[in-house]
Amino acid sequence: MNPEVTDFIDAIKEPWQGELASSLREVVYQAIPEVQERIQYKKPHFLKNGKYAAVISTSKDAVSFTVFNTSEIELPEGLFDGPPERKTMKLRQGQTFDSEQLVGWVSLASAAL
């Protein structure tokens, strides 16, 4: 784990956002055990074989989780937004996600990377 990414998550002001970001990071590690992570464009990026697999970002009222390389996978309508090649899930305070399901989607999306 990259200490810069740990510092980024630890520095998130809203505790609920920090918890979500930490949980999403864990999802990435479960889906892509060999993941590389770095801070780029002031947010944590997760790479497999040098290619983007996922990114976590925070805004005033949400935590966004973008999964790359999603053109070939079936994702539920309404949970993710964005173009076919990358989909973003926005989580607001009090919202949760199915960790096991998300691990599966990230794993599928990153399989060809």
Protein backbone atom coordinates (compact mmCIF):
# COMPACT_ATOMS: atom_id res chain seq x y z
CA MET A 1 0.00 0.00 0.00
CA ASN A 2 1.24 3.43 -0.97
CA PRO A 3 1.66 5.69 2.10
CA GLU A 4 0.58 8.70 0.01
CA VAL A 5 -2.80 7.06 -0.60
CA THR A 6 -3.09 6.18 3.10
CA ASP A 7 -2.31 9.82 3.98
CA PHE A 8 -4.90 11.04 1.46
CA ILE A 9 -7.62 8.86 3.00
CA ASP A 10 -6.57 9.76 6.56
CA ALA A 11 -6.78 13.48 5.66
CA ILE A 12 -10.40 13.32 4.44
CA LYS A 13 -12.29 15.67 6.78
CA GLU A 14 -15.68 13.95 6.87
CA PRO A 15 -15.38 10.65 8.80
CA TRP A 16 -18.08 8.94 6.68
CA GLN A 17 -16.18 9.84 3.50
CA GLY A 18 -12.93 8.48 4.94
CA GLU A 19 -14.66 5.23 5.89
CA LEU A 20 -16.14 4.84 2.40
CA ALA A 21 -12.82 5.63 0.71
CA SER A 22 -11.07 3.10 2.92
CA SER A 23 -13.70 0.44 2.14
CA LEU A 24 -13.44 1.14 -1.59
CA ARG A 25 -9.65 0.83 -1.41
CA GLU A 26 -10.12 -2.58 0.24
CA VAL A 27 -12.46 -3.60 -2.61
CA VAL A 28 -9.72 -2.76 -5.13
CA TYR A 29 -7.16 -4.84 -3.21
CA GLN A 30 -9.54 -7.81 -3.07
CA ALA A 31 -10.28 -7.54 -6.79
CA ILE A 32 -6.70 -6.82 -7.92
CA PRO A 33 -4.17 -8.23 -5.42
CA GLU A 34 -1.25 -6.97 -7.54
CA VAL A 35 -2.65 -3.42 -7.82
CA GLN A 36 -0.32 -0.44 -7.86
CA GLU A 37 -1.62 2.79 -6.38
CA ARG A 38 -0.54 6.39 -6.59
CA ILE A 39 -1.83 9.90 -6.09
CA GLN A 40 -2.45 11.54 -9.44
CA TYR A 41 -4.55 14.64 -10.13
CA LYS A 42 -4.86 14.95 -6.32
CA LYS A 43 -6.74 11.67 -5.89
CA PRO A 44 -5.92 7.97 -5.44
CA HIS A 45 -5.58 6.03 -8.70
CA PHE A 46 -5.32 2.25 -8.83
CA LEU A 47 -3.45 0.60 -11.71
CA LYS A 48 -2.95 -2.88 -13.05
CA ASN A 49 -0.03 -3.42 -15.42
CA GLY A 50 0.36 0.36 -15.66
CA LYS A 51 -3.25 0.89 -16.83
CA TYR A 52 -6.00 2.63 -14.87
CA ALA A 53 -8.31 0.22 -13.06
CA ALA A 54 -10.10 2.53 -10.60
CA VAL A 55 -10.02 5.93 -8.93
CA ILE A 56 -11.53 7.32 -5.73
CA SER A 57 -12.45 10.98 -5.40
CA THR A 58 -14.35 13.04 -2.88
CA SER A 59 -16.54 16.08 -3.28
CA LYS A 60 -18.48 18.16 -0.79
CA ASP A 61 -21.28 15.62 -0.36
CA ALA A 62 -20.11 12.39 -2.01
CA VAL A 63 -17.42 9.82 -2.57
CA SER A 64 -17.05 8.79 -6.21
CA PHE A 65 -15.61 5.47 -7.33
CA THR A 66 -14.75 5.15 -11.01
CA VAL A 67 -14.07 1.76 -12.57
CA PHE A 68 -12.22 1.74 -15.91
CA ASN A 69 -12.42 -0.74 -18.80
CA THR A 70 -16.15 -1.36 -18.27
CA SER A 71 -17.24 -1.58 -21.93
CA GLU A 72 -17.54 -5.36 -21.82
CA ILE A 73 -19.25 -5.82 -18.46
CA GLU A 74 -22.90 -5.58 -17.47
CA LEU A 75 -23.48 -3.07 -14.66
CA PRO A 76 -26.87 -2.29 -13.09
CA GLU A 77 -28.74 0.72 -14.42
CA GLY A 78 -28.92 3.64 -12.03
CA LEU A 79 -25.97 2.60 -9.84
CA PHE A 80 -23.25 3.79 -12.23
CA ASP A 81 -23.03 6.76 -14.62
CA GLY A 82 -20.64 7.62 -17.40
CA PRO A 83 -19.47 6.50 -20.83
CA PRO A 84 -19.20 2.78 -21.67
CA GLU A 85 -15.43 2.63 -21.06
CA ARG A 86 -15.60 3.94 -17.47
CA LYS A 87 -18.41 4.00 -14.97
CA THR A 88 -18.69 6.05 -11.79
CA MET A 89 -20.67 5.26 -8.67
CA LYS A 90 -21.45 8.23 -6.37
CA LEU A 91 -22.04 7.46 -2.72
CA ARG A 92 -23.54 9.99 -0.33
CA GLN A 93 -23.67 9.96 3.46
CA GLY A 94 -25.61 6.95 4.74
CA GLN A 95 -25.33 5.01 1.49
CA THR A 96 -23.61 1.66 1.35
CA PHE A 97 -22.55 -0.74 -1.37
CA ASP A 98 -22.37 -4.48 -1.80
CA SER A 99 -18.67 -5.09 -1.31
CA GLU A 100 -18.70 -8.62 -2.74
CA GLN A 101 -20.56 -7.50 -5.86
CA LEU A 102 -18.24 -4.54 -6.37
CA VAL A 103 -15.15 -6.75 -5.98
CA GLY A 104 -16.58 -8.94 -8.77
CA TRP A 105 -17.18 -6.00 -11.11
CA VAL A 106 -13.72 -4.50 -10.51
CA SER A 107 -12.17 -7.93 -11.01
CA LEU A 108 -14.05 -8.43 -14.30
CA ALA A 109 -13.26 -4.92 -15.56
CA SER A 110 -9.56 -5.24 -14.77
CA ALA A 111 -9.14 -8.82 -16.07
CA ALA A 112 -8.04 -7.64 -19.53
CA LEU A 113 -5.62 -4.98 -18.26
